[in-house]
Structures are given as C-alpha cells and as structure tokens.
Amino acid sequence: MKLDDKPLGVKVVGYLSIIGGALGILAGLMLLLIGGAGFAGIAGAGAGTDAAQGAAVAGGLFGAFAAFAGIFAIIFGGIGIFVGLNILKLKNWARIVVTVLAALNLLNIPIGTIFGAIVIYFMWFDAETKAAFESAK
C-alpha cells in the first residue's frame, strides 16, 4: 500500500510520531549543551567564597540533571521516529507501542492530552485506520 492509499489516521499518527521524535532529539541535544555548561561550573568550585562554591556545585548538579534529561529525550525521540516510520508501514506492534506512549501522554495536560486522544482515536476507533492495520496482517 502506497502512502497516498493509506488512511488519514495512519498518516497523521505516523507523522506526529516522527515530528515529535525529531523535536525530542533536538530538545535532548540542547539539554546536553546546557548540561555541559553546568558541568563546567564545577571547575570553579574550589575557588572563592563559600557562596561561590555552593553556586558552582548547584550549577554542576543542574548540569548533571540537564545532561541526564537530554540523553533520555534523545533516546525517546529516536524511539518516536522509529515507531512513526513503522506506523506508516502498518506494523501492528508499532500501533501498540504508539498507543502506550499516547496513554502516557494523556497525563501531559493540555497539549499531550489532545495529542494522546487523537492518537488513541485514530489507532483504535477510526474504521479506516483499523481496517488498514487488519488488512496488513
């Protein structure tokens, strides 16, 4: 089945996953840059007053958290792109994975709730999309 023949729901969910994954990777890279700057703050921890040392340590902790969050965002961004590409290929396992991620996204009020509801609707309640996944088995 060519992309033009696929139902709207498949295209919407697939492209939302790909775009969301790409944005996640971009955000992760920015967080890694922030994390690197925060780690650089640790270098000055030995000099100056107690307040300067405390600020440097706090900056280092913030940097470590930002770096960890960046790695996490990059991993999940990659998963989002991979799943989105497989949604476009009508892989049923990708339908299940994107549904689980959408269910988690429902807690991300208000935008995540809207996107999560759209994904769940198209994957499980839209007749055209359901038929496309059934015929691809």
N, C-alpha and C. Protein backbone atom coordinates (compact mmCIF):
# COMPACT_ATOMS: atom_id res chain seq x y z
N MET A 1 0.85 -1.18 0.00
CA MET A 1 0.00 0.00 0.00
C MET A 1 0.90 1.24 0.00
N LYS A 2 0.70 2.09 -1.00
CA LYS A 2 1.47 3.32 -1.09
C LYS A 2 0.97 4.33 -0.05
N LEU A 3 1.80 5.31 0.25
CA LEU A 3 1.45 6.31 1.26
C LEU A 3 0.17 7.04 0.90
N ASP A 4 -0.04 7.32 -0.38
CA ASP A 4 -1.26 8.03 -0.79
C ASP A 4 -2.51 7.21 -0.53
N ASP A 5 -2.38 5.88 -0.51
CA ASP A 5 -3.52 4.99 -0.30
C ASP A 5 -3.83 4.78 1.17
N LYS A 6 -2.96 5.19 2.04
CA LYS A 6 -3.16 4.94 3.47
C LYS A 6 -4.19 5.89 4.04
N PRO A 7 -4.94 5.43 5.04
CA PRO A 7 -5.95 6.30 5.67
C PRO A 7 -5.31 7.51 6.35
N LEU A 8 -6.11 8.54 6.51
CA LEU A 8 -5.65 9.78 7.14
C LEU A 8 -5.08 9.50 8.53
N GLY A 9 -5.72 8.63 9.30
CA GLY A 9 -5.27 8.33 10.65
C GLY A 9 -3.86 7.77 10.70
N VAL A 10 -3.52 6.91 9.75
CA VAL A 10 -2.17 6.34 9.70
C VAL A 10 -1.16 7.44 9.42
N LYS A 11 -1.48 8.30 8.47
CA LYS A 11 -0.55 9.39 8.12
C LYS A 11 -0.40 10.38 9.27
N VAL A 12 -1.52 10.75 9.90
CA VAL A 12 -1.47 11.72 11.00
C VAL A 12 -0.62 11.19 12.15
N VAL A 13 -0.91 9.96 12.58
CA VAL A 13 -0.19 9.39 13.72
C VAL A 13 1.28 9.14 13.37
N GLY A 14 1.53 8.63 12.18
CA GLY A 14 2.91 8.37 11.77
C GLY A 14 3.74 9.65 11.74
N TYR A 15 3.18 10.68 11.10
CA TYR A 15 3.94 11.93 11.01
C TYR A 15 4.03 12.66 12.34
N LEU A 16 2.99 12.59 13.17
CA LEU A 16 3.08 13.19 14.51
C LEU A 16 4.20 12.52 15.31
N SER A 17 4.31 11.21 15.20
CA SER A 17 5.36 10.48 15.92
C SER A 17 6.75 10.86 15.41
N ILE A 18 6.89 10.98 14.11
CA ILE A 18 8.18 11.33 13.53
C ILE A 18 8.57 12.76 13.91
N ILE A 19 7.64 13.69 13.78
CA ILE A 19 7.92 15.09 14.13
C ILE A 19 8.20 15.23 15.62
N GLY A 20 7.38 14.56 16.44
CA GLY A 20 7.61 14.60 17.89
C GLY A 20 8.95 14.01 18.27
N GLY A 21 9.34 12.92 17.61
CA GLY A 21 10.64 12.31 17.87
C GLY A 21 11.79 13.23 17.48
N ALA A 22 11.65 13.89 16.33
CA ALA A 22 12.70 14.82 15.89
C ALA A 22 12.82 16.00 16.85
N LEU A 23 11.69 16.51 17.31
CA LEU A 23 11.73 17.61 18.28
C LEU A 23 12.32 17.14 19.61
N GLY A 24 12.03 15.90 19.99
CA GLY A 24 12.61 15.34 21.21
C GLY A 24 14.13 15.23 21.12
N ILE A 25 14.62 14.80 19.97
CA ILE A 25 16.07 14.72 19.78
C ILE A 25 16.69 16.11 19.83
N LEU A 26 16.05 17.07 19.18
CA LEU A 26 16.56 18.45 19.20
C LEU A 26 16.60 19.00 20.63
N ALA A 27 15.52 18.77 21.39
CA ALA A 27 15.49 19.21 22.78
C ALA A 27 16.57 18.51 23.60
N GLY A 28 16.76 17.22 23.35
CA GLY A 28 17.80 16.48 24.06
C GLY A 28 19.19 17.01 23.80
N LEU A 29 19.46 17.38 22.55
CA LEU A 29 20.76 17.95 22.22
C LEU A 29 20.96 19.29 22.92
N MET A 30 19.90 20.10 22.98
CA MET A 30 20.01 21.38 23.69
C MET A 30 20.25 21.16 25.18
N LEU A 31 19.57 20.18 25.76
CA LEU A 31 19.79 19.88 27.17
C LEU A 31 21.21 19.39 27.43
N LEU A 32 21.75 18.62 26.50
CA LEU A 32 23.15 18.19 26.66
C LEU A 32 24.10 19.38 26.63
N LEU A 33 23.82 20.36 25.79
CA LEU A 33 24.66 21.56 25.77
C LEU A 33 24.55 22.32 27.09
N ILE A 34 23.33 22.43 27.61
CA ILE A 34 23.13 23.09 28.90
C ILE A 34 23.85 22.30 30.00
N GLY A 35 23.74 20.97 29.91
CA GLY A 35 24.40 20.12 30.89
C GLY A 35 25.90 20.30 30.88
N GLY A 36 26.47 20.43 29.69
CA GLY A 36 27.91 20.66 29.58
C GLY A 36 28.32 21.96 30.22
N ALA A 37 27.50 22.99 30.03
CA ALA A 37 27.80 24.28 30.65
C ALA A 37 27.70 24.18 32.17
N GLY A 38 26.73 23.41 32.65
CA GLY A 38 26.58 23.23 34.10
C GLY A 38 27.74 22.48 34.71
N PHE A 39 28.21 21.45 33.99
CA PHE A 39 29.37 20.71 34.48
C PHE A 39 30.60 21.61 34.53
N ALA A 40 30.69 22.54 33.60
CA ALA A 40 31.82 23.47 33.59
C ALA A 40 31.82 24.32 34.86
N GLY A 41 30.65 24.53 35.46
CA GLY A 41 30.56 25.30 36.69
C GLY A 41 31.26 24.62 37.85
N ILE A 42 31.39 23.31 37.80
CA ILE A 42 32.07 22.58 38.87
C ILE A 42 33.55 22.93 38.92
N ALA A 43 34.11 23.28 37.77
CA ALA A 43 35.55 23.58 37.71
C ALA A 43 35.92 24.73 38.63
N GLY A 44 35.05 25.69 38.82
CA GLY A 44 35.35 26.83 39.68
C GLY A 44 34.95 26.62 41.12
N ALA A 45 34.57 25.41 41.49
CA ALA A 45 34.06 25.16 42.84
C ALA A 45 35.13 25.32 43.91
N GLY A 46 36.39 25.16 43.56
CA GLY A 46 37.43 25.22 44.57
C GLY A 46 37.88 26.62 44.91
N ALA A 47 37.46 27.61 44.14
CA ALA A 47 37.98 28.96 44.34
C ALA A 47 36.89 29.86 44.91
N GLY A 48 37.34 30.90 45.60
CA GLY A 48 36.40 31.92 46.06
C GLY A 48 35.77 31.62 47.39
N THR A 49 34.67 32.28 47.62
CA THR A 49 33.97 32.18 48.90
C THR A 49 33.11 30.93 48.95
N ASP A 50 32.54 30.71 50.14
CA ASP A 50 31.63 29.57 50.30
C ASP A 50 30.42 29.71 49.38
N ALA A 51 29.95 30.93 49.21
CA ALA A 51 28.79 31.16 48.34
C ALA A 51 29.12 30.79 46.89
N ALA A 52 30.32 31.12 46.45
CA ALA A 52 30.74 30.79 45.08
C ALA A 52 30.86 29.28 44.91
N GLN A 53 31.38 28.62 45.95
CA GLN A 53 31.49 27.17 45.88
C GLN A 53 30.10 26.53 45.82
N GLY A 54 29.19 27.03 46.64
CA GLY A 54 27.82 26.50 46.64
C GLY A 54 27.14 26.71 45.31
N ALA A 55 27.33 27.88 44.72
CA ALA A 55 26.72 28.17 43.42
C ALA A 55 27.30 27.26 42.34
N ALA A 56 28.60 27.00 42.41
CA ALA A 56 29.23 26.13 41.42
C ALA A 56 28.72 24.70 41.54
N VAL A 57 28.57 24.23 42.78
CA VAL A 57 28.05 22.88 42.99
C VAL A 57 26.60 22.78 42.50
N ALA A 58 25.80 23.80 42.81
CA ALA A 58 24.41 23.81 42.34
C ALA A 58 24.36 23.81 40.82
N GLY A 59 25.24 24.59 40.20
CA GLY A 59 25.30 24.60 38.74
C GLY A 59 25.70 23.25 38.18
N GLY A 60 26.62 22.60 38.85
CA GLY A 60 27.03 21.26 38.43
C GLY A 60 25.91 20.25 38.55
N LEU A 61 25.15 20.33 39.64
CA LEU A 61 24.01 19.42 39.81
C LEU A 61 22.95 19.66 38.75
N PHE A 62 22.69 20.94 38.47
CA PHE A 62 21.74 21.27 37.41
C PHE A 62 22.24 20.74 36.07
N GLY A 63 23.53 20.89 35.83
CA GLY A 63 24.11 20.39 34.59
C GLY A 63 23.99 18.88 34.46
N ALA A 64 24.21 18.17 35.56
CA ALA A 64 24.09 16.72 35.54
C ALA A 64 22.65 16.31 35.24
N PHE A 65 21.69 16.99 35.87
CA PHE A 65 20.29 16.69 35.61
C PHE A 65 19.93 17.00 34.16
N ALA A 66 20.40 18.13 33.63
CA ALA A 66 20.10 18.50 32.25
C ALA A 66 20.71 17.49 31.28
N ALA A 67 21.92 17.03 31.56
CA ALA A 67 22.55 16.04 30.70
C ALA A 67 21.77 14.73 30.71
N PHE A 68 21.35 14.28 31.89
CA PHE A 68 20.55 13.06 32.01
C PHE A 68 19.24 13.21 31.25
N ALA A 69 18.56 14.34 31.44
CA ALA A 69 17.29 14.58 30.74
C ALA A 69 17.51 14.63 29.23
N GLY A 70 18.63 15.18 28.80
CA GLY A 70 18.95 15.24 27.38
C GLY A 70 19.12 13.87 26.78
N ILE A 71 19.84 13.01 27.46
CA ILE A 71 20.04 11.64 26.98
C ILE A 71 18.70 10.92 26.91
N PHE A 72 17.88 11.08 27.93
CA PHE A 72 16.54 10.49 27.98
C PHE A 72 15.71 10.97 26.80
N ALA A 73 15.73 12.28 26.52
CA ALA A 73 14.95 12.85 25.41
C ALA A 73 15.44 12.33 24.07
N ILE A 74 16.74 12.19 23.91
CA ILE A 74 17.29 11.68 22.65
C ILE A 74 16.86 10.23 22.42
N ILE A 75 16.91 9.42 23.46
CA ILE A 75 16.50 8.01 23.34
C ILE A 75 15.03 7.93 22.96
N PHE A 76 14.17 8.65 23.68
CA PHE A 76 12.74 8.59 23.38
C PHE A 76 12.40 9.24 22.05
N GLY A 77 13.17 10.25 21.65
CA GLY A 77 12.98 10.84 20.33
C GLY A 77 13.28 9.84 19.23
N GLY A 78 14.35 9.09 19.40
CA GLY A 78 14.69 8.04 18.43
C GLY A 78 13.62 6.97 18.36
N ILE A 79 13.09 6.60 19.52
CA ILE A 79 12.00 5.61 19.56
C ILE A 79 10.78 6.17 18.82
N GLY A 80 10.47 7.44 19.04
CA GLY A 80 9.32 8.07 18.37
C GLY A 80 9.46 8.04 16.86
N ILE A 81 10.64 8.35 16.36
CA ILE A 81 10.87 8.32 14.91
C ILE A 81 10.74 6.89 14.38
N PHE A 82 11.35 5.94 15.06
CA PHE A 82 11.29 4.54 14.65
C PHE A 82 9.86 4.02 14.62
N VAL A 83 9.10 4.32 15.67
CA VAL A 83 7.71 3.88 15.74
C VAL A 83 6.88 4.57 14.66
N GLY A 84 7.09 5.87 14.46
CA GLY A 84 6.34 6.60 13.44
C GLY A 84 6.56 6.02 12.05
N LEU A 85 7.81 5.68 11.73
CA LEU A 85 8.10 5.08 10.43
C LEU A 85 7.41 3.73 10.28
N ASN A 86 7.33 2.97 11.37
CA ASN A 86 6.68 1.66 11.31
C ASN A 86 5.16 1.76 11.35
N ILE A 87 4.61 2.84 11.89
CA ILE A 87 3.17 3.10 11.77
C ILE A 87 2.84 3.29 10.29
N LEU A 88 3.67 4.05 9.59
CA LEU A 88 3.44 4.27 8.16
C LEU A 88 3.56 2.98 7.35
N LYS A 89 4.28 1.98 7.89
CA LYS A 89 4.39 0.67 7.24
C LYS A 89 3.30 -0.29 7.72
N LEU A 90 2.39 0.21 8.56
CA LEU A 90 1.25 -0.56 9.09
C LEU A 90 1.68 -1.76 9.92
N LYS A 91 2.72 -1.60 10.71
CA LYS A 91 3.16 -2.66 11.63
C LYS A 91 2.30 -2.61 12.88
N ASN A 92 1.67 -3.73 13.21
CA ASN A 92 0.74 -3.75 14.35
C ASN A 92 1.46 -3.51 15.68
N TRP A 93 2.70 -3.99 15.83
CA TRP A 93 3.43 -3.77 17.07
C TRP A 93 3.65 -2.27 17.29
N ALA A 94 3.87 -1.51 16.20
CA ALA A 94 4.06 -0.06 16.32
C ALA A 94 2.76 0.60 16.76
N ARG A 95 1.65 0.06 16.31
CA ARG A 95 0.33 0.57 16.73
C ARG A 95 0.17 0.43 18.25
N ILE A 96 0.61 -0.69 18.78
CA ILE A 96 0.51 -0.93 20.23
C ILE A 96 1.46 0.00 20.99
N VAL A 97 2.70 0.12 20.51
CA VAL A 97 3.68 0.99 21.18
C VAL A 97 3.21 2.44 21.18
N VAL A 98 2.73 2.92 20.03
CA VAL A 98 2.28 4.31 19.96
C VAL A 98 1.06 4.54 20.84
N THR A 99 0.24 3.51 21.03
CA THR A 99 -0.91 3.64 21.92
C THR A 99 -0.46 3.75 23.37
N VAL A 100 0.52 2.96 23.77
CA VAL A 100 1.05 3.04 25.14
C VAL A 100 1.65 4.42 25.39
N LEU A 101 2.44 4.90 24.43
CA LEU A 101 3.03 6.24 24.58
C LEU A 101 1.96 7.32 24.61
N ALA A 102 0.91 7.15 23.81
CA ALA A 102 -0.19 8.13 23.80
C ALA A 102 -0.93 8.11 25.13
N ALA A 103 -1.11 6.92 25.71
CA ALA A 103 -1.78 6.83 27.01
C ALA A 103 -0.97 7.55 28.08
N LEU A 104 0.35 7.41 28.05
CA LEU A 104 1.20 8.14 28.99
C LEU A 104 1.11 9.64 28.73
N ASN A 105 1.00 10.01 27.47
CA ASN A 105 0.94 11.41 27.09
C ASN A 105 -0.36 12.08 27.53
N LEU A 106 -1.40 11.29 27.80
CA LEU A 106 -2.66 11.85 28.28
C LEU A 106 -2.48 12.64 29.57
N LEU A 107 -1.47 12.27 30.36
CA LEU A 107 -1.20 12.95 31.63
C LEU A 107 -0.51 14.30 31.44
N ASN A 108 -0.06 14.57 30.24
CA ASN A 108 0.69 15.78 29.91
C ASN A 108 -0.28 16.88 29.48
N ILE A 109 -1.01 17.42 30.44
CA ILE A 109 -2.10 18.37 30.19
C ILE A 109 -1.54 19.71 29.76
N PRO A 110 -2.11 20.42 28.81
CA PRO A 110 -3.25 20.13 27.96
C PRO A 110 -2.86 19.57 26.59
N ILE A 111 -1.66 19.93 26.09
CA ILE A 111 -1.28 19.55 24.73
C ILE A 111 -1.12 18.04 24.59
N GLY A 112 -0.44 17.42 25.53
CA GLY A 112 -0.26 15.97 25.48
C GLY A 112 -1.57 15.23 25.53
N THR A 113 -2.52 15.75 26.28
CA THR A 113 -3.84 15.13 26.35
C THR A 113 -4.52 15.16 24.99
N ILE A 114 -4.42 16.28 24.31
CA ILE A 114 -5.04 16.41 22.99
C ILE A 114 -4.39 15.45 22.00
N PHE A 115 -3.05 15.47 21.93
CA PHE A 115 -2.35 14.58 21.00
C PHE A 115 -2.57 13.11 21.36
N GLY A 116 -2.54 12.79 22.65
CA GLY A 116 -2.78 11.41 23.07
C GLY A 116 -4.16 10.92 22.67
N ALA A 117 -5.16 11.77 22.85
CA ALA A 117 -6.53 11.40 22.48
C ALA A 117 -6.66 11.22 20.97
N ILE A 118 -6.01 12.07 20.19
CA ILE A 118 -6.05 11.94 18.73
C ILE A 118 -5.43 10.61 18.30
N VAL A 119 -4.29 10.28 18.87
CA VAL A 119 -3.60 9.04 18.51
C VAL A 119 -4.46 7.84 18.87
N ILE A 120 -4.99 7.80 20.08
CA ILE A 120 -5.81 6.67 20.50
C ILE A 120 -7.06 6.55 19.63
N TYR A 121 -7.68 7.67 19.32
CA TYR A 121 -8.87 7.63 18.45
C TYR A 121 -8.52 7.02 17.10
N PHE A 122 -7.50 7.54 16.44
CA PHE A 122 -7.16 7.05 15.11
C PHE A 122 -6.71 5.59 15.13
N MET A 123 -5.95 5.19 16.13
CA MET A 123 -5.42 3.83 16.15
C MET A 123 -6.47 2.77 16.46
N TRP A 124 -7.48 3.11 17.27
CA TRP A 124 -8.40 2.08 17.73
C TRP A 124 -9.87 2.32 17.41
N PHE A 125 -10.26 3.53 17.06
CA PHE A 125 -11.68 3.81 16.84
C PHE A 125 -12.03 4.26 15.42
N ASP A 126 -11.06 4.69 14.64
CA ASP A 126 -11.30 5.10 13.27
C ASP A 126 -11.40 3.85 12.39
N ALA A 127 -12.54 3.66 11.73
CA ALA A 127 -12.79 2.43 10.97
C ALA A 127 -11.78 2.23 9.84
N GLU A 128 -11.44 3.29 9.13
CA GLU A 128 -10.49 3.18 8.02
C GLU A 128 -9.11 2.73 8.50
N THR A 129 -8.66 3.33 9.59
CA THR A 129 -7.34 3.00 10.13
C THR A 129 -7.31 1.57 10.65
N LYS A 130 -8.35 1.18 11.37
CA LYS A 130 -8.42 -0.20 11.88
C LYS A 130 -8.38 -1.20 10.73
N ALA A 131 -9.14 -0.90 9.67
CA ALA A 131 -9.19 -1.80 8.51
C ALA A 131 -7.82 -1.90 7.83
N ALA A 132 -7.10 -0.79 7.76
CA ALA A 132 -5.77 -0.80 7.14
C ALA A 132 -4.81 -1.70 7.92
N PHE A 133 -4.84 -1.61 9.25
CA PHE A 133 -3.96 -2.45 10.06
C PHE A 133 -4.39 -3.91 9.98
N GLU A 134 -5.70 -4.18 9.93
CA GLU A 134 -6.18 -5.55 9.82
C GLU A 134 -5.77 -6.18 8.49
N SER A 135 -5.86 -5.40 7.41
CA SER A 135 -5.50 -5.95 6.09
C SER A 135 -4.00 -6.13 5.93
N ALA A 136 -3.21 -5.44 6.74
CA ALA A 136 -1.75 -5.54 6.64
C ALA A 136 -1.20 -6.77 7.36
N LYS A 137 -2.03 -7.44 8.15
CA LYS A 137 -1.55 -8.62 8.91
C LYS A 137 -1.18 -9.76 7.99
